[in-house]
C-alpha atoms as a PDB file:
ATOM      1  CA  MET A   1      34.164  55.432  19.610  1.00  0.00           C
ATOM      2  CA  ASN A   2      36.030  52.999  21.902  1.00  0.00           C
ATOM      3  CA  ILE A   3      38.306  54.251  24.535  1.00  0.00           C
ATOM      4  CA  ILE A   4      41.108  51.515  25.602  1.00  0.00           C
ATOM      5  CA  LYS A   5      42.336  51.784  28.884  1.00  0.00           C
ATOM      6  CA  ASP A   6      46.003  51.864  28.339  1.00  0.00           C
ATOM      7  CA  ASP A   7      48.771  51.717  31.511  1.00  0.00           C
ATOM      8  CA  SER A   8      51.671  50.897  28.988  1.00  0.00           C
ATOM      9  CA  ALA A   9      53.706  53.898  30.155  1.00  0.00           C
ATOM     10  CA  ARG A  10      54.428  51.893  33.237  1.00  0.00           C
ATOM     11  CA  PHE A  11      56.836  49.386  31.025  1.00  0.00           C
ATOM     12  CA  ALA A  12      58.463  52.401  29.160  1.00  0.00           C
ATOM     13  CA  GLN A  13      59.658  54.094  32.277  1.00  0.00           C
ATOM     14  CA  GLN A  14      63.135  55.499  31.358  1.00  0.00           C
ATOM     15  CA  THR A  15      64.596  53.489  34.426  1.00  0.00           C
ATOM     16  CA  VAL A  16      62.948  50.231  32.797  1.00  0.00           C
ATOM     17  CA  ARG A  17      63.918  51.301  29.458  1.00  0.00           C
ATOM     18  CA  ASP A  18      67.832  51.860  30.255  1.00  0.00           C
ATOM     19  CA  ALA A  19      67.652  48.513  32.414  1.00  0.00           C
ATOM     20  CA  PHE A  20      66.527  46.660  29.598  1.00  0.00           C
ATOM     21  CA  ARG A  21      68.795  47.890  26.922  1.00  0.00           C
ATOM     22  CA  ALA A  22      71.721  46.744  29.376  1.00  0.00           C
ATOM     23  CA  TRP A  23      70.025  43.474  29.876  1.00  0.00           C
ATOM     24  CA  LEU A  24      70.220  42.955  26.164  1.00  0.00           C
ATOM     25  CA  ALA A  25      73.575  43.657  25.829  1.00  0.00           C
ATOM     26  CA  THR A  26      74.761  41.405  28.701  1.00  0.00           C
ATOM     27  CA  HIS A  27      72.435  38.503  27.613  1.00  0.00           C
ATOM     28  CA  ASN A  28      73.600  38.880  23.952  1.00  0.00           C
ATOM     29  CA  PRO A  29      77.245  39.924  23.971  1.00  0.00           C
ATOM     30  CA  GLU A  30      78.151  38.657  20.619  1.00  0.00           C
ATOM     31  CA  TRP A  31      75.342  41.648  19.408  1.00  0.00           C
ATOM     32  CA  SER A  32      76.269  44.668  17.933  1.00  0.00           C
ATOM     33  CA  SER A  33      75.475  48.028  19.409  1.00  0.00           C
ATOM     34  CA  GLY A  34      72.854  48.288  16.309  1.00  0.00           C
ATOM     35  CA  THR A  35      71.505  44.704  17.021  1.00  0.00           C
ATOM     36  CA  VAL A  36      70.814  45.748  20.780  1.00  0.00           C
ATOM     37  CA  THR A  37      69.391  49.201  19.689  1.00  0.00           C
ATOM     38  CA  MET A  38      66.913  47.153  17.038  1.00  0.00           C
ATOM     39  CA  HIS A  39      65.481  44.612  19.664  1.00  0.00           C
ATOM     40  CA  TYR A  40      65.446  47.554  22.244  1.00  0.00           C
ATOM     41  CA  SER A  41      63.200  49.706  19.990  1.00  0.00           C
ATOM     42  CA  ASP A  42      61.144  46.829  18.122  1.00  0.00           C
ATOM     43  CA  ALA A  43      60.291  45.704  22.251  1.00  0.00           C
ATOM     44  CA  TYR A  44      58.428  49.165  22.224  1.00  0.00           C
ATOM     45  CA  TYR A  45      56.542  48.842  18.838  1.00  0.00           C
ATOM     46  CA  LEU A  46      53.250  48.544  20.458  1.00  0.00           C
ATOM     47  CA  TYR A  47      53.900  51.445  22.790  1.00  0.00           C
ATOM     48  CA  ASN A  48      54.834  53.673  19.993  1.00  0.00           C
ATOM     49  CA  ASN A  49      52.236  52.497  17.410  1.00  0.00           C
ATOM     50  CA  ARG A  50      48.493  51.970  17.846  1.00  0.00           C
ATOM     51  CA  ARG A  51      47.756  48.425  16.354  1.00  0.00           C
ATOM     52  CA  GLY A  52      44.897  47.487  18.191  1.00  0.00           C
ATOM     53  CA  ILE A  53      46.429  46.140  21.157  1.00  0.00           C
ATOM     54  CA  THR A  54      48.353  47.897  23.606  1.00  0.00           C
ATOM     55  CA  LEU A  55      51.927  46.758  25.182  1.00  0.00           C
ATOM     56  CA  GLU A  56      50.218  46.360  28.484  1.00  0.00           C
ATOM     57  CA  GLU A  57      47.554  43.740  26.856  1.00  0.00           C
ATOM     58  CA  ALA A  58      50.554  42.155  25.120  1.00  0.00           C
ATOM     59  CA  LEU A  59      52.787  41.665  28.058  1.00  0.00           C
ATOM     60  CA  THR A  60      49.888  40.754  30.699  1.00  0.00           C
ATOM     61  CA  ALA A  61      47.197  39.118  29.158  1.00  0.00           C
ATOM     62  CA  ASP A  62      47.150  35.407  28.801  1.00  0.00           C
ATOM     63  CA  ASP A  63      47.150  35.410  24.948  1.00  0.00           C
ATOM     64  CA  GLY A  64      48.700  38.857  24.746  1.00  0.00           C
ATOM     65  CA  LEU A  65      51.824  37.715  22.624  1.00  0.00           C
ATOM     66  CA  GLN A  66      49.540  35.974  20.191  1.00  0.00           C
ATOM     67  CA  LYS A  67      47.165  38.737  19.915  1.00  0.00           C
ATOM     68  CA  ALA A  68      50.123  41.108  19.537  1.00  0.00           C
ATOM     69  CA  TYR A  69      51.304  38.735  16.767  1.00  0.00           C
ATOM     70  CA  ASP A  70      48.050  38.795  14.666  1.00  0.00           C
ATOM     71  CA  ALA A  71      47.812  42.602  15.038  1.00  0.00           C
ATOM     72  CA  ILE A  72      51.000  43.356  13.741  1.00  0.00           C
ATOM     73  CA  GLU A  73      50.739  40.703  10.946  1.00  0.00           C
ATOM     74  CA  HIS A  74      47.287  42.321  10.234  1.00  0.00           C
ATOM     75  CA  PHE A  75      48.732  45.647   9.990  1.00  0.00           C
ATOM     76  CA  TYR A  76      51.558  44.879   7.666  1.00  0.00           C
ATOM     77  CA  THR A  77      48.889  42.772   5.341  1.00  0.00           C
ATOM     78  CA  ASP A  78      46.818  45.802   5.010  1.00  0.00           C
ATOM     79  CA  ASN A  79      50.107  48.294   4.616  1.00  0.00           C
ATOM     80  CA  PRO A  80      52.617  46.463   2.579  1.00  0.00           C
ATOM     81  CA  THR A  81      56.216  47.550   3.031  1.00  0.00           C
ATOM     82  CA  GLN A  82      59.190  47.130   0.066  1.00  0.00           C
ATOM     83  CA  THR A  83      59.865  43.462   1.612  1.00  0.00           C
ATOM     84  CA  ASN A  84      55.852  42.719   1.907  1.00  0.00           C
ATOM     85  CA  ASN A  85      56.618  39.952   4.290  1.00  0.00           C
ATOM     86  CA  PRO A  86      54.045  40.515   7.089  1.00  0.00           C
ATOM     87  CA  SER A  87      54.534  37.293   8.863  1.00  0.00           C
ATOM     88  CA  GLY A  88      58.251  38.140   8.865  1.00  0.00           C
ATOM     89  CA  SER A  89      57.631  41.499  10.453  1.00  0.00           C
ATOM     90  CA  ALA A  90      55.359  40.113  13.148  1.00  0.00           C
ATOM     91  CA  ARG A  91      57.834  37.236  14.174  1.00  0.00           C
ATOM     92  CA  GLY A  92      60.595  39.963  14.404  1.00  0.00           C
ATOM     93  CA  TYR A  93      58.547  42.280  16.647  1.00  0.00           C
ATOM     94  CA  LEU A  94      57.432  39.504  18.633  1.00  0.00           C
ATOM     95  CA  ARG A  95      60.740  38.234  19.338  1.00  0.00           C
ATOM     96  CA  SER A  96      61.885  41.398  20.740  1.00  0.00           C
ATOM     97  CA  LEU A  97      58.655  41.544  22.843  1.00  0.00           C
ATOM     98  CA  ARG A  98      59.375  38.116  24.125  1.00  0.00           C
ATOM     99  CA  MET A  99      62.614  39.605  25.299  1.00  0.00           C
ATOM    100  CA  LEU A 100      61.424  42.217  26.905  1.00  0.00           C
ATOM    101  CA  LYS A 101      58.643  40.064  28.879  1.00  0.00           C
ATOM    102  CA  LYS A 102      61.231  37.626  30.068  1.00  0.00           C
ATOM    103  CA  PHE A 103      63.392  40.808  31.412  1.00  0.00           C
ATOM    104  CA  LEU A 104      60.388  41.979  32.882  1.00  0.00           C
ATOM    105  CA  ASP A 105      59.918  38.504  34.321  1.00  0.00           C
ATOM    106  CA  GLU A 106      63.468  38.587  35.694  1.00  0.00           C
ATOM    107  CA  ASN A 107      63.887  42.118  37.057  1.00  0.00           C
ATOM    108  CA  TYR A 108      60.328  43.936  37.326  1.00  0.00           C
ATOM    109  CA  PRO A 109      57.504  41.158  37.924  1.00  0.00           C
ATOM    110  CA  GLU A 110      55.497  43.650  40.011  1.00  0.00           C
ATOM    111  CA  LEU A 111      55.180  45.816  36.582  1.00  0.00           C
ATOM    112  CA  LEU A 112      53.540  42.538  34.805  1.00  0.00           C
ATOM    113  CA  SER A 113      50.867  42.464  37.786  1.00  0.00           C
ATOM    114  CA  ALA A 114      47.309  43.954  37.083  1.00  0.00           C
ATOM    115  CA  ASN A 115      47.308  46.050  40.069  1.00  0.00           C
ATOM    116  CA  SER A 116      50.927  47.534  39.025  1.00  0.00           C
ATOM    117  CA  VAL A 117      51.920  51.011  39.607  1.00  0.00           C
ATOM    118  CA  ALA A 118      55.007  52.850  38.681  1.00  0.00           C
ATOM    119  CA  ILE A 119      58.053  51.728  40.181  1.00  0.00           C
ATOM    120  CA  SER A 120      59.379  55.289  41.169  1.00  0.00           C
ATOM    121  CA  GLU A 121      57.002  57.598  43.105  1.00  0.00           C
ATOM    122  CA  PRO A 122      56.131  61.255  41.602  1.00  0.00           C
ATOM    123  CA  SER A 123      57.621  64.002  43.137  1.00  0.00           C
ATOM    124  CA  VAL A 124      57.157  67.560  43.030  1.00  0.00           C
ATOM    125  CA  PRO A 125      60.168  69.550  42.700  1.00  0.00           C
ATOM    126  CA  ASP A 126      61.532  71.561  45.734  1.00  0.00           C
ATOM    127  CA  ALA A 127      61.116  74.850  43.846  1.00  0.00           C
ATOM    128  CA  VAL A 128      57.663  74.468  43.290  1.00  0.00           C
ATOM    129  CA  VAL A 129      56.823  73.065  46.759  1.00  0.00           C
ATOM    130  CA  ASP A 130      58.776  76.287  48.373  1.00  0.00           C
ATOM    131  CA  ALA A 131      56.751  78.737  45.907  1.00  0.00           C
ATOM    132  CA  LEU A 132      53.537  77.184  46.785  1.00  0.00           C
ATOM    133  CA  ASN A 133      54.516  77.360  50.560  1.00  0.00           C
ATOM    134  CA  LYS A 134      55.539  81.249  50.055  1.00  0.00           C
ATOM    135  CA  ASN A 135      52.790  82.513  47.703  1.00  0.00           C
ATOM    136  CA  TYR A 136      49.837  80.512  49.123  1.00  0.00           C
ATOM    137  CA  THR A 137      50.492  80.320  53.004  1.00  0.00           C
ATOM    138  CA  SER A 138      46.649  80.139  53.793  1.00  0.00           C
ATOM    139  CA  GLY A 139      46.159  77.206  50.977  1.00  0.00           C
ATOM    140  CA  PHE A 140      44.870  77.524  47.571  1.00  0.00           C
ATOM    141  CA  ARG A 141      42.638  75.416  45.243  1.00  0.00           C
ATOM    142  CA  PHE A 142      44.584  73.425  43.027  1.00  0.00           C
ATOM    143  CA  ASP A 143      42.195  73.670  40.088  1.00  0.00           C
ATOM    144  CA  THR A 144      42.496  77.620  39.790  1.00  0.00           C
ATOM    145  CA  THR A 145      46.035  77.533  40.954  1.00  0.00           C
ATOM    146  CA  TYR A 146      47.706  75.291  38.611  1.00  0.00           C
ATOM    147  CA  VAL A 147      46.131  77.312  35.705  1.00  0.00           C
ATOM    148  CA  ASN A 148      47.520  80.304  37.170  1.00  0.00           C
ATOM    149  CA  LEU A 149      51.017  78.896  37.474  1.00  0.00           C
ATOM    150  CA  LEU A 150      50.999  77.398  34.105  1.00  0.00           C
ATOM    151  CA  SER A 151      49.649  80.824  32.670  1.00  0.00           C
ATOM    152  CA  SER A 152      52.507  82.568  34.444  1.00  0.00           C
ATOM    153  CA  ALA A 153      55.268  80.172  33.665  1.00  0.00           C
ATOM    154  CA  SER A 154      54.440  79.881  29.732  1.00  0.00           C
ATOM    155  CA  GLY A 155      53.193  83.696  29.449  1.00  0.00           C
ATOM    156  CA  VAL A 156      50.050  82.387  27.923  1.00  0.00           C
ATOM    157  CA  GLU A 157      46.462  83.327  28.872  1.00  0.00           C
ATOM    158  CA  ILE A 158      45.530  79.531  29.386  1.00  0.00           C
ATOM    159  CA  ASP A 159      42.560  80.662  30.976  1.00  0.00           C
ATOM    160  CA  ARG A 160      41.013  82.069  27.694  1.00  0.00           C
ATOM    161  CA  ARG A 161      42.380  79.155  25.489  1.00  0.00           C
ATOM    162  CA  MET A 162      40.822  77.058  27.943  1.00  0.00           C
ATOM    163  CA  LEU A 163      37.416  78.365  27.200  1.00  0.00           C
ATOM    164  CA  SER A 164      37.441  78.220  23.642  1.00  0.00           C
END
């Protein structure tokens, strides 16, 4: 089994997606909201569907856009639709993907860097920090504590389910 490292989620953060949708509408004022939504959705086709290439690879590799086109065309050749136009389908998704890449180049070039990280720092809600400070004043072993916290919050015996 091949395991593919996929850091595509950095491109699909809600703040990035929202900004991309706004960018599409601003740069294409003649488009209807449906057309904006279609391109917004199509740009994330590789993020939402396994086609042998990740969104990250399509956006960051030198030949990523060509690989994306080839993978999508191959999929639709092997899985015909009613219109059965694999190259047309691939061109449509590629057009949206190119717009996403242009948007990222202009607004989030750091995300296209191979060593990129998410644009927002993950944070622990204050309520969780307060509960940990209150209930574990002398510290805790994270691996044991998080299982207990999840078990308490969900009302499910997680320890037993993890053993099976």
